[in-house]
Amino acid sequence: MNCQGCGASYDSSFKFCPHCGRARQEPPTVRVVVEEPKYEYCTIREVRDGGANGAGYWVQLVAGLYPDSTDIYHYEAKGTGSNADTIYAASTQYRYRMGSKKYREEERAAWREITGALEADGWQRTEHSEAEYRRRAR
């Protein structure tokens, strides 16, 4: 090691130059703190609004809205953890009947609607599930 003051050479275990007494300069310690980003999460779930077996169906049947025995659903993006009571997005209602291809496109459109709304608001799908989304906490 060379002294910064007199240029003399000395052992790096010394704290002072044995020739001029100048203190050895320590390299500055740099502490890098990388803070992990905080995320909020939500999960898309299917919510049954009514249907052949639900009370809501009879009101809709009487009103003539859904004259067949379909179930009525919508998708809802609900928070998880401390945000479990928060609904971040909801789709329009769609009809569903087991085995019916007729209403499958309504369901797909509702799915595209809710995922599009989440992505437009800064949410990203996680690698865990196509129904789980996250975004940086605001």
C-alpha atoms as a PDB file:
ATOM      1  CA  MET A   1       0.000   0.000   0.000  1.00  0.00           C
ATOM      2  CA  ASN A   2       1.263   3.515  -0.767  1.00  0.00           C
ATOM      3  CA  CYS A   3       0.809   6.511   1.555  1.00  0.00           C
ATOM      4  CA  GLN A   4      -1.390   9.273   0.171  1.00  0.00           C
ATOM      5  CA  GLY A   5       0.796  11.892   1.908  1.00  0.00           C
ATOM      6  CA  CYS A   6       4.448  10.961   1.331  1.00  0.00           C
ATOM      7  CA  GLY A   7       4.100   8.178  -1.253  1.00  0.00           C
ATOM      8  CA  ALA A   8       6.062   5.674   0.839  1.00  0.00           C
ATOM      9  CA  SER A   9       5.147   2.025   0.693  1.00  0.00           C
ATOM     10  CA  TYR A  10       3.952   0.191   3.800  1.00  0.00           C
ATOM     11  CA  ASP A  11       2.007  -2.908   4.907  1.00  0.00           C
ATOM     12  CA  SER A  12      -1.759  -2.652   4.416  1.00  0.00           C
ATOM     13  CA  SER A  13      -2.382  -3.881   7.983  1.00  0.00           C
ATOM     14  CA  PHE A  14      -1.040  -0.552   9.372  1.00  0.00           C
ATOM     15  CA  LYS A  15      -3.567   2.187  10.149  1.00  0.00           C
ATOM     16  CA  PHE A  16      -0.913   4.926   9.911  1.00  0.00           C
ATOM     17  CA  CYS A  17       2.047   5.476   7.575  1.00  0.00           C
ATOM     18  CA  PRO A  18       5.233   4.518   9.520  1.00  0.00           C
ATOM     19  CA  HIS A  19       7.189   7.199   7.597  1.00  0.00           C
ATOM     20  CA  CYS A  20       5.018  10.340   7.941  1.00  0.00           C
ATOM     21  CA  GLY A  21       2.292   9.290  10.407  1.00  0.00           C
ATOM     22  CA  ARG A  22      -0.587  10.081   8.098  1.00  0.00           C
ATOM     23  CA  ALA A  23      -3.738   7.998   8.702  1.00  0.00           C
ATOM     24  CA  ARG A  24      -4.504   5.450   6.053  1.00  0.00           C
ATOM     25  CA  GLN A  25      -7.581   6.439   4.055  1.00  0.00           C
ATOM     26  CA  GLU A  26     -10.323   3.894   4.276  1.00  0.00           C
ATOM     27  CA  PRO A  27     -12.410   3.422   1.181  1.00  0.00           C
ATOM     28  CA  PRO A  28     -15.815   4.981   1.705  1.00  0.00           C
ATOM     29  CA  THR A  29     -18.463   2.514   2.776  1.00  0.00           C
ATOM     30  CA  VAL A  30     -21.440   2.600   0.499  1.00  0.00           C
ATOM     31  CA  ARG A  31     -24.606   1.060   1.807  1.00  0.00           C
ATOM     32  CA  VAL A  32     -27.172   0.303  -0.846  1.00  0.00           C
ATOM     33  CA  VAL A  33     -30.695  -0.280   0.348  1.00  0.00           C
ATOM     34  CA  VAL A  34     -32.979  -1.824  -2.198  1.00  0.00           C
ATOM     35  CA  GLU A  35     -36.545  -1.612  -1.062  1.00  0.00           C
ATOM     36  CA  GLU A  36     -38.810  -4.242  -2.486  1.00  0.00           C
ATOM     37  CA  PRO A  37     -41.844  -2.692  -4.150  1.00  0.00           C
ATOM     38  CA  LYS A  38     -45.070  -3.136  -2.233  1.00  0.00           C
ATOM     39  CA  TYR A  39     -47.986  -4.574  -4.143  1.00  0.00           C
ATOM     40  CA  GLU A  40     -51.692  -4.858  -3.632  1.00  0.00           C
ATOM     41  CA  TYR A  41     -53.437  -7.946  -4.937  1.00  0.00           C
ATOM     42  CA  CYS A  42     -56.882  -8.793  -6.184  1.00  0.00           C
ATOM     43  CA  THR A  43     -58.536 -11.950  -7.403  1.00  0.00           C
ATOM     44  CA  ILE A  44     -61.214 -12.200 -10.061  1.00  0.00           C
ATOM     45  CA  ARG A  45     -64.100 -14.346  -8.973  1.00  0.00           C
ATOM     46  CA  GLU A  46     -67.422 -15.297 -10.461  1.00  0.00           C
ATOM     47  CA  VAL A  47     -70.443 -13.975  -8.569  1.00  0.00           C
ATOM     48  CA  ARG A  48     -73.859 -15.530  -9.003  1.00  0.00           C
ATOM     49  CA  ASP A  49     -76.537 -12.855  -9.163  1.00  0.00           C
ATOM     50  CA  GLY A  50     -79.495 -15.163  -9.647  1.00  0.00           C
ATOM     51  CA  GLY A  51     -80.819 -17.927 -11.766  1.00  0.00           C
ATOM     52  CA  ALA A  52     -83.108 -20.905 -11.884  1.00  0.00           C
ATOM     53  CA  ASN A  53     -82.408 -21.745  -8.259  1.00  0.00           C
ATOM     54  CA  GLY A  54     -81.991 -18.211  -6.931  1.00  0.00           C
ATOM     55  CA  ALA A  55     -84.531 -15.683  -5.694  1.00  0.00           C
ATOM     56  CA  GLY A  56     -83.222 -13.106  -8.178  1.00  0.00           C
ATOM     57  CA  TYR A  57     -84.242 -15.324 -11.067  1.00  0.00           C
ATOM     58  CA  TRP A  58     -87.939 -15.143 -10.259  1.00  0.00           C
ATOM     59  CA  VAL A  59     -87.924 -11.361 -10.329  1.00  0.00           C
ATOM     60  CA  GLN A  60     -86.132 -11.409 -13.666  1.00  0.00           C
ATOM     61  CA  LEU A  61     -88.443 -14.118 -15.010  1.00  0.00           C
ATOM     62  CA  VAL A  62     -91.565 -12.137 -14.067  1.00  0.00           C
ATOM     63  CA  ALA A  63     -90.055  -9.049 -15.665  1.00  0.00           C
ATOM     64  CA  GLY A  64     -89.437 -11.090 -18.821  1.00  0.00           C
ATOM     65  CA  LEU A  65     -85.705 -10.424 -18.842  1.00  0.00           C
ATOM     66  CA  TYR A  66     -84.481 -14.016 -18.936  1.00  0.00           C
ATOM     67  CA  PRO A  67     -87.274 -16.361 -20.018  1.00  0.00           C
ATOM     68  CA  ASP A  68     -85.146 -19.529 -19.955  1.00  0.00           C
ATOM     69  CA  SER A  69     -83.566 -21.359 -17.034  1.00  0.00           C
ATOM     70  CA  THR A  70     -80.195 -19.660 -17.151  1.00  0.00           C
ATOM     71  CA  ASP A  71     -78.121 -18.461 -14.254  1.00  0.00           C
ATOM     72  CA  ILE A  72     -76.989 -14.856 -14.086  1.00  0.00           C
ATOM     73  CA  TYR A  73     -73.384 -14.068 -13.130  1.00  0.00           C
ATOM     74  CA  HIS A  74     -70.817 -11.322 -13.234  1.00  0.00           C
ATOM     75  CA  TYR A  75     -67.082 -11.185 -12.553  1.00  0.00           C
ATOM     76  CA  GLU A  76     -65.709  -9.172  -9.679  1.00  0.00           C
ATOM     77  CA  ALA A  77     -62.082  -8.247  -8.882  1.00  0.00           C
ATOM     78  CA  LYS A  78     -61.918  -8.262  -5.099  1.00  0.00           C
ATOM     79  CA  GLY A  79     -58.928  -7.269  -2.986  1.00  0.00           C
ATOM     80  CA  THR A  80     -57.044  -9.725  -0.815  1.00  0.00           C
ATOM     81  CA  GLY A  81     -55.444  -9.384   2.616  1.00  0.00           C
ATOM     82  CA  SER A  82     -56.060  -6.014   4.245  1.00  0.00           C
ATOM     83  CA  ASN A  83     -58.029  -4.909   1.138  1.00  0.00           C
ATOM     84  CA  ALA A  84     -60.396  -7.891   1.200  1.00  0.00           C
ATOM     85  CA  ASP A  85     -63.464  -5.631   1.328  1.00  0.00           C
ATOM     86  CA  THR A  86     -62.434  -3.603  -1.725  1.00  0.00           C
ATOM     87  CA  ILE A  87     -63.928  -4.324  -5.143  1.00  0.00           C
ATOM     88  CA  TYR A  88     -61.595  -2.908  -7.790  1.00  0.00           C
ATOM     89  CA  ALA A  89     -63.640  -3.786 -10.873  1.00  0.00           C
ATOM     90  CA  ALA A  90     -66.791  -5.615 -11.922  1.00  0.00           C
ATOM     91  CA  SER A  91     -68.034  -6.863 -15.271  1.00  0.00           C
ATOM     92  CA  THR A  92     -71.477  -6.591 -16.728  1.00  0.00           C
ATOM     93  CA  GLN A  93     -73.801  -9.500 -16.085  1.00  0.00           C
ATOM     94  CA  TYR A  94     -73.795 -12.505 -18.345  1.00  0.00           C
ATOM     95  CA  ARG A  95     -76.051 -15.530 -18.679  1.00  0.00           C
ATOM     96  CA  TYR A  96     -74.892 -19.087 -18.229  1.00  0.00           C
ATOM     97  CA  ARG A  97     -76.486 -22.476 -18.665  1.00  0.00           C
ATOM     98  CA  MET A  98     -74.531 -25.700 -18.217  1.00  0.00           C
ATOM     99  CA  GLY A  99     -73.527 -27.155 -21.574  1.00  0.00           C
ATOM    100  CA  SER A 100     -74.839 -24.207 -23.593  1.00  0.00           C
ATOM    101  CA  LYS A 101     -72.544 -22.680 -26.181  1.00  0.00           C
ATOM    102  CA  LYS A 102     -75.060 -19.891 -26.690  1.00  0.00           C
ATOM    103  CA  TYR A 103     -73.996 -17.968 -23.594  1.00  0.00           C
ATOM    104  CA  ARG A 104     -70.285 -18.829 -23.678  1.00  0.00           C
ATOM    105  CA  GLU A 105     -69.462 -15.702 -25.692  1.00  0.00           C
ATOM    106  CA  GLU A 106     -71.228 -13.508 -23.103  1.00  0.00           C
ATOM    107  CA  GLU A 107     -69.032 -15.039 -20.423  1.00  0.00           C
ATOM    108  CA  ARG A 108     -65.871 -14.499 -22.476  1.00  0.00           C
ATOM    109  CA  ALA A 109     -66.841 -10.883 -23.158  1.00  0.00           C
ATOM    110  CA  ALA A 110     -67.362 -10.289 -19.427  1.00  0.00           C
ATOM    111  CA  TRP A 111     -63.921 -11.797 -18.731  1.00  0.00           C
ATOM    112  CA  ARG A 112     -62.277  -9.576 -21.362  1.00  0.00           C
ATOM    113  CA  GLU A 113     -64.128  -6.588 -19.927  1.00  0.00           C
ATOM    114  CA  ILE A 114     -62.900  -7.064 -16.351  1.00  0.00           C
ATOM    115  CA  THR A 115     -59.314  -8.000 -17.267  1.00  0.00           C
ATOM    116  CA  GLY A 116     -59.163  -5.025 -19.641  1.00  0.00           C
ATOM    117  CA  ALA A 117     -60.415  -2.684 -16.907  1.00  0.00           C
ATOM    118  CA  LEU A 118     -57.813  -3.979 -14.454  1.00  0.00           C
ATOM    119  CA  GLU A 119     -54.962  -3.678 -16.944  1.00  0.00           C
ATOM    120  CA  ALA A 120     -56.043  -0.146 -17.898  1.00  0.00           C
ATOM    121  CA  ASP A 121     -55.817   0.753 -14.192  1.00  0.00           C
ATOM    122  CA  GLY A 122     -52.238  -0.541 -13.889  1.00  0.00           C
ATOM    123  CA  TRP A 123     -52.867  -4.098 -12.703  1.00  0.00           C
ATOM    124  CA  GLN A 124     -50.748  -6.983 -13.995  1.00  0.00           C
ATOM    125  CA  ARG A 125     -51.603 -10.662 -14.034  1.00  0.00           C
ATOM    126  CA  THR A 126     -49.431 -12.691 -11.665  1.00  0.00           C
ATOM    127  CA  GLU A 127     -47.614 -15.850 -12.603  1.00  0.00           C
ATOM    128  CA  HIS A 128     -49.738 -17.815 -10.110  1.00  0.00           C
ATOM    129  CA  SER A 129     -53.126 -17.647 -11.794  1.00  0.00           C
ATOM    130  CA  GLU A 130     -54.945 -15.969 -14.652  1.00  0.00           C
ATOM    131  CA  ALA A 131     -57.442 -14.726 -12.057  1.00  0.00           C
ATOM    132  CA  GLU A 132     -54.859 -13.089  -9.745  1.00  0.00           C
ATOM    133  CA  TYR A 133     -53.631  -9.560 -10.427  1.00  0.00           C
ATOM    134  CA  ARG A 134     -51.267  -7.170  -8.680  1.00  0.00           C
ATOM    135  CA  ARG A 135     -50.189  -3.557  -8.922  1.00  0.00           C
ATOM    136  CA  ARG A 136     -47.793  -1.356  -6.994  1.00  0.00           C
ATOM    137  CA  ALA A 137     -49.433  -0.037  -3.865  1.00  0.00           C
ATOM    138  CA  ARG A 138     -50.566   3.549  -4.160  1.00  0.00           C
END
